[in-house]
Amino acid sequence: MNSTTTERVAWITGAAGGLGSALVSAFAAAGYRVAAAGHSTLPNVELESARVWPMRLDVTRADEVCRAVSQIEQRWGGIDVLVNNAGICADHLLAQMNDAEWDRVLAVNLKGPFLCCREVVPSMIQRRLGHILNVASDVARRGGRGRSNYAASKAGLIGLSLSLAQELGGFGICVNAVIPGFMSTPMTTGLDARRAREFQDASVLGAWVEPVRVARFMVDLAGHSHISGQVLQVDGRVSRWT
């Protein structure tokens, strides 16, 4: 393990997406060394390579997750912040949803965070510090037509977050779930105008949230050592999680 640097280290999955790239930039700008993991593509960030390290990673494969953590620790030392941002959707009505669509969404959105958390937690416990941020969704609470697999995965992620907060709090490790509002990202591309307007009207602010604002909020949250076990909405909706 490289102990020559005192800079904090963040590991961000799903780093090539709309929110992911904003997270990489925000954490790097805040002084973190960032391991930016993407599955099929790598994040396009205009930052010095010494601070941002793009890596390919399939979060559903335990061997790849283990190897990634080992490589990060060898290069920069222990991981201080894990952001489980990788996520996919495969929307279909339940009667038309096949096994592969169900399994893949649950694998990426829920098993992936489980594997990443399991791999970073031992070092965090040893150092008695760390923050895990899991990107959830309001669909976990309200459901969505044709989104049973996605809703189930995000509801499971919230349950994982709250359980880990209880397990790890005694070691000084914080775990929180963050629910971004609807953002202009590749995942929301193609949303019809009526649905887009519905999401906008549901916000008391009357607007979609920008990925950069969510990213900055998560950087700030990662710096707090007394906020844990929370489901935090950054979407302008009236909270129903309390």
C-alpha atoms as a PDB file:
ATOM      1  CA  MET A   1       0.000   0.000   0.000  1.00  0.00           C
ATOM      2  CA  ASN A   2       1.286   3.407  -0.915  1.00  0.00           C
ATOM      3  CA  SER A   3       1.281   5.577   2.198  1.00  0.00           C
ATOM      4  CA  THR A   4       3.261   8.475   0.730  1.00  0.00           C
ATOM      5  CA  THR A   5       0.200  10.578  -0.061  1.00  0.00           C
ATOM      6  CA  THR A   6      -2.152  12.179   2.437  1.00  0.00           C
ATOM      7  CA  GLU A   7      -4.689  13.138  -0.224  1.00  0.00           C
ATOM      8  CA  ARG A   8      -8.083  11.539   0.048  1.00  0.00           C
ATOM      9  CA  VAL A   9      -9.008   8.845  -2.451  1.00  0.00           C
ATOM     10  CA  ALA A  10     -12.444   8.407  -4.036  1.00  0.00           C
ATOM     11  CA  TRP A  11     -13.566   5.416  -6.092  1.00  0.00           C
ATOM     12  CA  ILE A  12     -16.487   6.202  -8.390  1.00  0.00           C
ATOM     13  CA  THR A  13     -18.325   3.575 -10.428  1.00  0.00           C
ATOM     14  CA  GLY A  14     -20.437   4.401 -13.460  1.00  0.00           C
ATOM     15  CA  ALA A  15     -17.971   7.218 -14.041  1.00  0.00           C
ATOM     16  CA  ALA A  16     -18.590   7.576 -17.772  1.00  0.00           C
ATOM     17  CA  GLY A  17     -22.259   8.532 -17.472  1.00  0.00           C
ATOM     18  CA  GLY A  18     -23.845  11.948 -17.058  1.00  0.00           C
ATOM     19  CA  LEU A  19     -23.807  12.020 -13.262  1.00  0.00           C
ATOM     20  CA  GLY A  20     -20.659   9.906 -13.151  1.00  0.00           C
ATOM     21  CA  SER A  21     -18.536  12.339 -15.122  1.00  0.00           C
ATOM     22  CA  ALA A  22     -19.848  15.212 -12.990  1.00  0.00           C
ATOM     23  CA  LEU A  23     -18.879  13.270  -9.868  1.00  0.00           C
ATOM     24  CA  VAL A  24     -15.368  12.621 -11.175  1.00  0.00           C
ATOM     25  CA  SER A  25     -14.827  16.295 -11.924  1.00  0.00           C
ATOM     26  CA  ALA A  26     -16.319  17.464  -8.624  1.00  0.00           C
ATOM     27  CA  PHE A  27     -14.281  15.104  -6.440  1.00  0.00           C
ATOM     28  CA  ALA A  28     -11.087  15.886  -8.347  1.00  0.00           C
ATOM     29  CA  ALA A  29     -11.727  19.619  -8.039  1.00  0.00           C
ATOM     30  CA  ALA A  30     -12.181  19.124  -4.280  1.00  0.00           C
ATOM     31  CA  GLY A  31      -8.684  17.662  -4.015  1.00  0.00           C
ATOM     32  CA  TYR A  32      -9.398  13.947  -4.184  1.00  0.00           C
ATOM     33  CA  ARG A  33      -7.465  11.420  -6.183  1.00  0.00           C
ATOM     34  CA  VAL A  34     -10.200   9.726  -8.185  1.00  0.00           C
ATOM     35  CA  ALA A  35     -10.355   6.169  -9.505  1.00  0.00           C
ATOM     36  CA  ALA A  36     -12.998   6.565 -12.216  1.00  0.00           C
ATOM     37  CA  ALA A  37     -14.461   3.201 -13.167  1.00  0.00           C
ATOM     38  CA  GLY A  38     -16.535   2.614 -16.282  1.00  0.00           C
ATOM     39  CA  HIS A  39     -17.797  -0.574 -17.876  1.00  0.00           C
ATOM     40  CA  SER A  40     -17.803  -0.146 -21.648  1.00  0.00           C
ATOM     41  CA  THR A  41     -16.376   3.367 -21.927  1.00  0.00           C
ATOM     42  CA  LEU A  42     -14.055   5.445 -19.808  1.00  0.00           C
ATOM     43  CA  PRO A  43     -14.918   8.900 -18.467  1.00  0.00           C
ATOM     44  CA  ASN A  44     -13.885  11.818 -20.637  1.00  0.00           C
ATOM     45  CA  VAL A  45     -12.348  14.228 -18.159  1.00  0.00           C
ATOM     46  CA  GLU A  46      -9.902  16.998 -18.910  1.00  0.00           C
ATOM     47  CA  LEU A  47      -7.839  16.624 -15.758  1.00  0.00           C
ATOM     48  CA  GLU A  48      -4.255  15.657 -15.128  1.00  0.00           C
ATOM     49  CA  SER A  49      -3.800  11.905 -15.100  1.00  0.00           C
ATOM     50  CA  ALA A  50      -2.021  12.080 -11.758  1.00  0.00           C
ATOM     51  CA  ARG A  51      -5.338  12.978 -10.097  1.00  0.00           C
ATOM     52  CA  VAL A  52      -7.881  11.002 -12.146  1.00  0.00           C
ATOM     53  CA  TRP A  53      -7.274   7.381 -13.055  1.00  0.00           C
ATOM     54  CA  PRO A  54      -9.794   5.938 -15.547  1.00  0.00           C
ATOM     55  CA  MET A  55     -10.276   2.177 -15.223  1.00  0.00           C
ATOM     56  CA  ARG A  56     -12.509  -0.397 -16.864  1.00  0.00           C
ATOM     57  CA  LEU A  57     -14.652  -2.377 -14.450  1.00  0.00           C
ATOM     58  CA  ASP A  58     -17.617  -4.718 -14.567  1.00  0.00           C
ATOM     59  CA  VAL A  59     -19.090  -4.219 -11.096  1.00  0.00           C
ATOM     60  CA  THR A  60     -20.979  -7.517 -11.323  1.00  0.00           C
ATOM     61  CA  ARG A  61     -17.748  -9.548 -11.352  1.00  0.00           C
ATOM     62  CA  ALA A  62     -16.241 -10.165  -7.932  1.00  0.00           C
ATOM     63  CA  ASP A  63     -12.796 -10.869  -9.364  1.00  0.00           C
ATOM     64  CA  GLU A  64     -12.684  -7.535 -11.215  1.00  0.00           C
ATOM     65  CA  VAL A  65     -13.885  -5.626  -8.161  1.00  0.00           C
ATOM     66  CA  CYS A  66     -11.239  -7.270  -5.990  1.00  0.00           C
ATOM     67  CA  ARG A  67      -8.509  -6.520  -8.526  1.00  0.00           C
ATOM     68  CA  ALA A  68      -9.607  -2.892  -8.879  1.00  0.00           C
ATOM     69  CA  VAL A  69      -9.453  -2.251  -5.131  1.00  0.00           C
ATOM     70  CA  SER A  70      -6.053  -3.895  -4.915  1.00  0.00           C
ATOM     71  CA  GLN A  71      -4.733  -1.725  -7.750  1.00  0.00           C
ATOM     72  CA  ILE A  72      -6.103   1.475  -6.190  1.00  0.00           C
ATOM     73  CA  GLU A  73      -4.578   0.642  -2.819  1.00  0.00           C
ATOM     74  CA  GLN A  74      -1.216  -0.132  -4.387  1.00  0.00           C
ATOM     75  CA  ARG A  75      -1.236   3.134  -6.332  1.00  0.00           C
ATOM     76  CA  TRP A  76      -2.723   5.584  -3.833  1.00  0.00           C
ATOM     77  CA  GLY A  77      -3.426   3.845  -0.538  1.00  0.00           C
ATOM     78  CA  GLY A  78      -6.761   3.157   1.114  1.00  0.00           C
ATOM     79  CA  ILE A  79     -10.055   4.270  -0.395  1.00  0.00           C
ATOM     80  CA  ASP A  80     -11.694   7.033   1.651  1.00  0.00           C
ATOM     81  CA  VAL A  81     -14.908   7.437  -0.334  1.00  0.00           C
ATOM     82  CA  LEU A  82     -16.791   4.873  -2.407  1.00  0.00           C
ATOM     83  CA  VAL A  83     -19.525   6.178  -4.696  1.00  0.00           C
ATOM     84  CA  ASN A  84     -21.705   3.392  -6.073  1.00  0.00           C
ATOM     85  CA  ASN A  85     -23.097   5.216  -9.083  1.00  0.00           C
ATOM     86  CA  ALA A  86     -23.142   2.473 -11.743  1.00  0.00           C
ATOM     87  CA  GLY A  87     -26.677   1.749 -12.829  1.00  0.00           C
ATOM     88  CA  ILE A  88     -28.714   0.604 -15.807  1.00  0.00           C
ATOM     89  CA  CYS A  89     -32.363   0.200 -16.722  1.00  0.00           C
ATOM     90  CA  ALA A  90     -34.210  -2.230 -18.986  1.00  0.00           C
ATOM     91  CA  ASP A  91     -37.850  -1.169 -18.845  1.00  0.00           C
ATOM     92  CA  HIS A  92     -40.654  -3.523 -19.794  1.00  0.00           C
ATOM     93  CA  LEU A  93     -44.009  -4.472 -18.372  1.00  0.00           C
ATOM     94  CA  LEU A  94     -43.573  -7.486 -16.114  1.00  0.00           C
ATOM     95  CA  ALA A  95     -45.359  -9.852 -18.509  1.00  0.00           C
ATOM     96  CA  GLN A  96     -42.909  -8.940 -21.279  1.00  0.00           C
ATOM     97  CA  MET A  97     -39.762  -8.789 -19.129  1.00  0.00           C
ATOM     98  CA  ASN A  98     -37.370 -11.666 -19.685  1.00  0.00           C
ATOM     99  CA  ASP A  99     -35.032 -13.258 -17.171  1.00  0.00           C
ATOM    100  CA  ALA A 100     -31.949 -11.580 -18.626  1.00  0.00           C
ATOM    101  CA  GLU A 101     -33.450  -8.078 -18.262  1.00  0.00           C
ATOM    102  CA  TRP A 102     -34.382  -8.727 -14.644  1.00  0.00           C
ATOM    103  CA  ASP A 103     -31.067 -10.361 -13.755  1.00  0.00           C
ATOM    104  CA  ARG A 104     -28.849  -7.776 -15.444  1.00  0.00           C
ATOM    105  CA  VAL A 105     -30.508  -4.771 -13.790  1.00  0.00           C
ATOM    106  CA  LEU A 106     -30.370  -6.403 -10.347  1.00  0.00           C
ATOM    107  CA  ALA A 107     -26.765  -7.454 -10.953  1.00  0.00           C
ATOM    108  CA  VAL A 108     -25.493  -3.991 -11.903  1.00  0.00           C
ATOM    109  CA  ASN A 109     -27.677  -1.890  -9.600  1.00  0.00           C
ATOM    110  CA  LEU A 110     -27.607  -4.031  -6.457  1.00  0.00           C
ATOM    111  CA  LYS A 111     -25.059  -6.835  -6.611  1.00  0.00           C
ATOM    112  CA  GLY A 112     -22.421  -4.410  -7.914  1.00  0.00           C
ATOM    113  CA  PRO A 113     -22.685  -2.076  -4.905  1.00  0.00           C
ATOM    114  CA  PHE A 114     -22.679  -5.104  -2.585  1.00  0.00           C
ATOM    115  CA  LEU A 115     -19.433  -6.376  -4.128  1.00  0.00           C
ATOM    116  CA  CYS A 116     -17.786  -2.941  -4.044  1.00  0.00           C
ATOM    117  CA  CYS A 117     -18.833  -2.309  -0.442  1.00  0.00           C
ATOM    118  CA  ARG A 118     -17.650  -5.737   0.658  1.00  0.00           C
ATOM    119  CA  GLU A 119     -14.247  -5.119  -0.882  1.00  0.00           C
ATOM    120  CA  VAL A 120     -13.580  -1.650   0.577  1.00  0.00           C
ATOM    121  CA  VAL A 121     -15.051  -2.150   4.046  1.00  0.00           C
ATOM    122  CA  PRO A 122     -12.176  -4.170   5.626  1.00  0.00           C
ATOM    123  CA  SER A 123      -9.657  -1.406   4.950  1.00  0.00           C
ATOM    124  CA  MET A 124     -12.098   1.264   6.113  1.00  0.00           C
ATOM    125  CA  ILE A 125     -12.678  -0.664   9.350  1.00  0.00           C
ATOM    126  CA  GLN A 126      -8.943  -1.025   9.878  1.00  0.00           C
ATOM    127  CA  ARG A 127      -8.414   2.725   9.402  1.00  0.00           C
ATOM    128  CA  ARG A 128     -11.687   3.577  11.200  1.00  0.00           C
ATOM    129  CA  LEU A 129     -12.771   6.045   8.545  1.00  0.00           C
ATOM    130  CA  GLY A 130     -14.617   6.117   5.266  1.00  0.00           C
ATOM    131  CA  HIS A 131     -17.813   7.167   3.551  1.00  0.00           C
ATOM    132  CA  ILE A 132     -19.980   5.086   1.219  1.00  0.00           C
ATOM    133  CA  LEU A 133     -22.458   6.909  -0.993  1.00  0.00           C
ATOM    134  CA  ASN A 134     -25.029   4.866  -2.899  1.00  0.00           C
ATOM    135  CA  VAL A 135     -26.961   6.507  -5.734  1.00  0.00           C
ATOM    136  CA  ALA A 136     -30.578   5.416  -5.348  1.00  0.00           C
ATOM    137  CA  SER A 137     -33.824   6.558  -6.970  1.00  0.00           C
ATOM    138  CA  ASP A 138     -37.254   7.820  -5.962  1.00  0.00           C
ATOM    139  CA  VAL A 139     -38.636   4.997  -8.098  1.00  0.00           C
ATOM    140  CA  ALA A 140     -37.721   2.753  -5.154  1.00  0.00           C
ATOM    141  CA  ARG A 141     -40.520   4.387  -3.164  1.00  0.00           C
ATOM    142  CA  ARG A 142     -43.169   5.218  -5.739  1.00  0.00           C
ATOM    143  CA  GLY A 143     -42.556   2.447  -8.262  1.00  0.00           C
ATOM    144  CA  GLY A 144     -42.964   2.920 -11.973  1.00  0.00           C
ATOM    145  CA  ARG A 145     -44.944   1.324 -14.758  1.00  0.00           C
ATOM    146  CA  GLY A 146     -42.654  -1.088 -16.581  1.00  0.00           C
ATOM    147  CA  ARG A 147     -39.842  -0.464 -14.079  1.00  0.00           C
ATOM    148  CA  SER A 148     -40.251  -3.311 -11.597  1.00  0.00           C
ATOM    149  CA  ASN A 149     -36.660  -4.498 -12.007  1.00  0.00           C
ATOM    150  CA  TYR A 150     -35.210  -1.004 -11.616  1.00  0.00           C
ATOM    151  CA  ALA A 151     -37.464  -0.151  -8.654  1.00  0.00           C
ATOM    152  CA  ALA A 152     -36.597  -3.410  -6.913  1.00  0.00           C
ATOM    153  CA  SER A 153     -32.875  -2.851  -7.400  1.00  0.00           C
ATOM    154  CA  LYS A 154     -32.966   0.687  -6.013  1.00  0.00           C
ATOM    155  CA  ALA A 155     -35.188  -0.285  -3.079  1.00  0.00           C
ATOM    156  CA  GLY A 156     -32.673  -3.016  -2.292  1.00  0.00           C
ATOM    157  CA  LEU A 157     -29.845  -0.488  -2.507  1.00  0.00           C
ATOM    158  CA  ILE A 158     -31.555   1.727   0.064  1.00  0.00           C
ATOM    159  CA  GLY A 159     -31.987  -1.277   2.354  1.00  0.00           C
ATOM    160  CA  LEU A 160     -28.322  -2.144   1.892  1.00  0.00           C
ATOM    161  CA  SER A 161     -27.325   1.428   2.747  1.00  0.00           C
ATOM    162  CA  LEU A 162     -29.366   1.595   5.953  1.00  0.00           C
ATOM    163  CA  SER A 163     -28.150  -1.816   7.102  1.00  0.00           C
ATOM    164  CA  LEU A 164     -24.485  -1.035   6.438  1.00  0.00           C
ATOM    165  CA  ALA A 165     -24.820   2.281   8.297  1.00  0.00           C
ATOM    166  CA  GLN A 166     -25.787   0.308  11.397  1.00  0.00           C
ATOM    167  CA  GLU A 167     -23.028  -2.266  10.902  1.00  0.00           C
ATOM    168  CA  LEU A 168     -20.243   0.224  10.283  1.00  0.00           C
ATOM    169  CA  GLY A 169     -21.131   3.257  12.382  1.00  0.00           C
ATOM    170  CA  GLY A 170     -19.132   1.993  15.343  1.00  0.00           C
ATOM    171  CA  PHE A 171     -16.013   2.066  13.182  1.00  0.00           C
ATOM    172  CA  GLY A 172     -16.454   5.692  12.156  1.00  0.00           C
ATOM    173  CA  ILE A 173     -17.724   4.785   8.677  1.00  0.00           C
ATOM    174  CA  CYS A 174     -20.694   6.660   7.209  1.00  0.00           C
ATOM    175  CA  VAL A 175     -23.108   5.145   4.701  1.00  0.00           C
ATOM    176  CA  ASN A 176     -25.823   7.151   2.969  1.00  0.00           C
ATOM    177  CA  ALA A 177     -28.148   6.800  -0.005  1.00  0.00           C
ATOM    178  CA  VAL A 178     -28.621   9.804  -2.297  1.00  0.00           C
ATOM    179  CA  ILE A 179     -31.653  10.210  -4.540  1.00  0.00           C
ATOM    180  CA  PRO A 180     -30.957  12.598  -7.421  1.00  0.00           C
ATOM    181  CA  GLY A 181     -33.825  14.223  -9.201  1.00  0.00           C
ATOM    182  CA  PHE A 182     -34.448  13.709 -12.888  1.00  0.00           C
ATOM    183  CA  MET A 183     -31.416  14.980 -14.755  1.00  0.00           C
ATOM    184  CA  SER A 184     -30.479  15.444 -18.381  1.00  0.00           C
ATOM    185  CA  THR A 185     -28.326  12.331 -18.743  1.00  0.00           C
ATOM    186  CA  PRO A 186     -28.099   9.476 -21.265  1.00  0.00           C
ATOM    187  CA  MET A 187     -30.506   7.468 -19.082  1.00  0.00           C
ATOM    188  CA  THR A 188     -33.257  10.095 -19.456  1.00  0.00           C
ATOM    189  CA  THR A 189     -32.648  10.757 -23.142  1.00  0.00           C
ATOM    190  CA  GLY A 190     -35.755   9.906 -25.125  1.00  0.00           C
ATOM    191  CA  LEU A 191     -38.185  10.714 -22.315  1.00  0.00           C
ATOM    192  CA  ASP A 192     -41.333  12.064 -23.948  1.00  0.00           C
ATOM    193  CA  ALA A 193     -42.280  15.700 -23.382  1.00  0.00           C
ATOM    194  CA  ARG A 194     -45.363  14.911 -21.280  1.00  0.00           C
ATOM    195  CA  ARG A 195     -43.421  12.749 -18.831  1.00  0.00           C
ATOM    196  CA  ALA A 196     -40.608  15.275 -18.695  1.00  0.00           C
ATOM    197  CA  ARG A 197     -43.104  17.981 -17.764  1.00  0.00           C
ATOM    198  CA  GLU A 198     -44.599  15.753 -15.058  1.00  0.00           C
ATOM    199  CA  PHE A 199     -41.214  15.272 -13.447  1.00  0.00           C
ATOM    200  CA  GLN A 200     -40.506  18.990 -13.617  1.00  0.00           C
ATOM    201  CA  ASP A 201     -43.866  19.872 -12.070  1.00  0.00           C
ATOM    202  CA  ALA A 202     -43.312  17.371  -9.239  1.00  0.00           C
ATOM    203  CA  SER A 203     -40.388  19.452  -7.988  1.00  0.00           C
ATOM    204  CA  VAL A 204     -41.221  22.311  -5.643  1.00  0.00           C
ATOM    205  CA  LEU A 205     -38.415  24.162  -7.429  1.00  0.00           C
ATOM    206  CA  GLY A 206     -40.117  23.625 -10.782  1.00  0.00           C
ATOM    207  CA  ALA A 207     -37.013  22.389 -12.552  1.00  0.00           C
ATOM    208  CA  TRP A 208     -34.873  19.337 -13.197  1.00  0.00           C
ATOM    209  CA  VAL A 209     -31.715  19.077 -11.143  1.00  0.00           C
ATOM    210  CA  GLU A 210     -28.360  19.507 -12.861  1.00  0.00           C
ATOM    211  CA  PRO A 211     -25.806  16.662 -12.499  1.00  0.00           C
ATOM    212  CA  VAL A 212     -23.100  19.096 -11.384  1.00  0.00           C
ATOM    213  CA  ARG A 213     -25.236  20.245  -8.459  1.00  0.00           C
ATOM    214  CA  VAL A 214     -25.865  16.679  -7.324  1.00  0.00           C
ATOM    215  CA  ALA A 215     -22.149  15.948  -7.626  1.00  0.00           C
ATOM    216  CA  ARG A 216     -21.193  18.963  -5.517  1.00  0.00           C
ATOM    217  CA  PHE A 217     -23.726  17.947  -2.874  1.00  0.00           C
ATOM    218  CA  MET A 218     -22.216  14.469  -2.717  1.00  0.00           C
ATOM    219  CA  VAL A 219     -18.699  15.872  -2.357  1.00  0.00           C
ATOM    220  CA  ASP A 220     -19.902  17.984   0.568  1.00  0.00           C
ATOM    221  CA  LEU A 221     -21.701  14.995   2.099  1.00  0.00           C
ATOM    222  CA  ALA A 222     -18.577  12.856   1.842  1.00  0.00           C
ATOM    223  CA  GLY A 223     -16.788  15.416   4.007  1.00  0.00           C
ATOM    224  CA  HIS A 224     -19.204  14.994   6.928  1.00  0.00           C
ATOM    225  CA  SER A 225     -18.398  12.407   9.592  1.00  0.00           C
ATOM    226  CA  HIS A 226     -21.684  12.644  11.509  1.00  0.00           C
ATOM    227  CA  ILE A 227     -24.247  12.084   8.759  1.00  0.00           C
ATOM    228  CA  SER A 228     -25.029   8.411   8.247  1.00  0.00           C
ATOM    229  CA  GLY A 229     -27.969   6.090   7.730  1.00  0.00           C
ATOM    230  CA  GLN A 230     -29.863   8.698   5.715  1.00  0.00           C
ATOM    231  CA  VAL A 231     -31.800   8.674   2.453  1.00  0.00           C
ATOM    232  CA  LEU A 232     -31.170  12.140   1.082  1.00  0.00           C
ATOM    233  CA  GLN A 233     -33.215  13.537  -1.801  1.00  0.00           C
ATOM    234  CA  VAL A 234     -31.625  16.072  -4.127  1.00  0.00           C
ATOM    235  CA  ASP A 235     -34.621  16.426  -6.387  1.00  0.00           C
ATOM    236  CA  GLY A 236     -36.778  19.290  -5.145  1.00  0.00           C
ATOM    237  CA  ARG A 237     -39.548  16.926  -4.046  1.00  0.00           C
ATOM    238  CA  VAL A 238     -41.148  17.002  -0.614  1.00  0.00           C
ATOM    239  CA  SER A 239     -39.406  14.188   1.243  1.00  0.00           C
ATOM    240  CA  ARG A 240     -41.411  11.074   2.090  1.00  0.00           C
ATOM    241  CA  TRP A 241     -38.538   9.058   3.531  1.00  0.00           C
ATOM    242  CA  THR A 242     -38.850  10.380   7.100  1.00  0.00           C
END
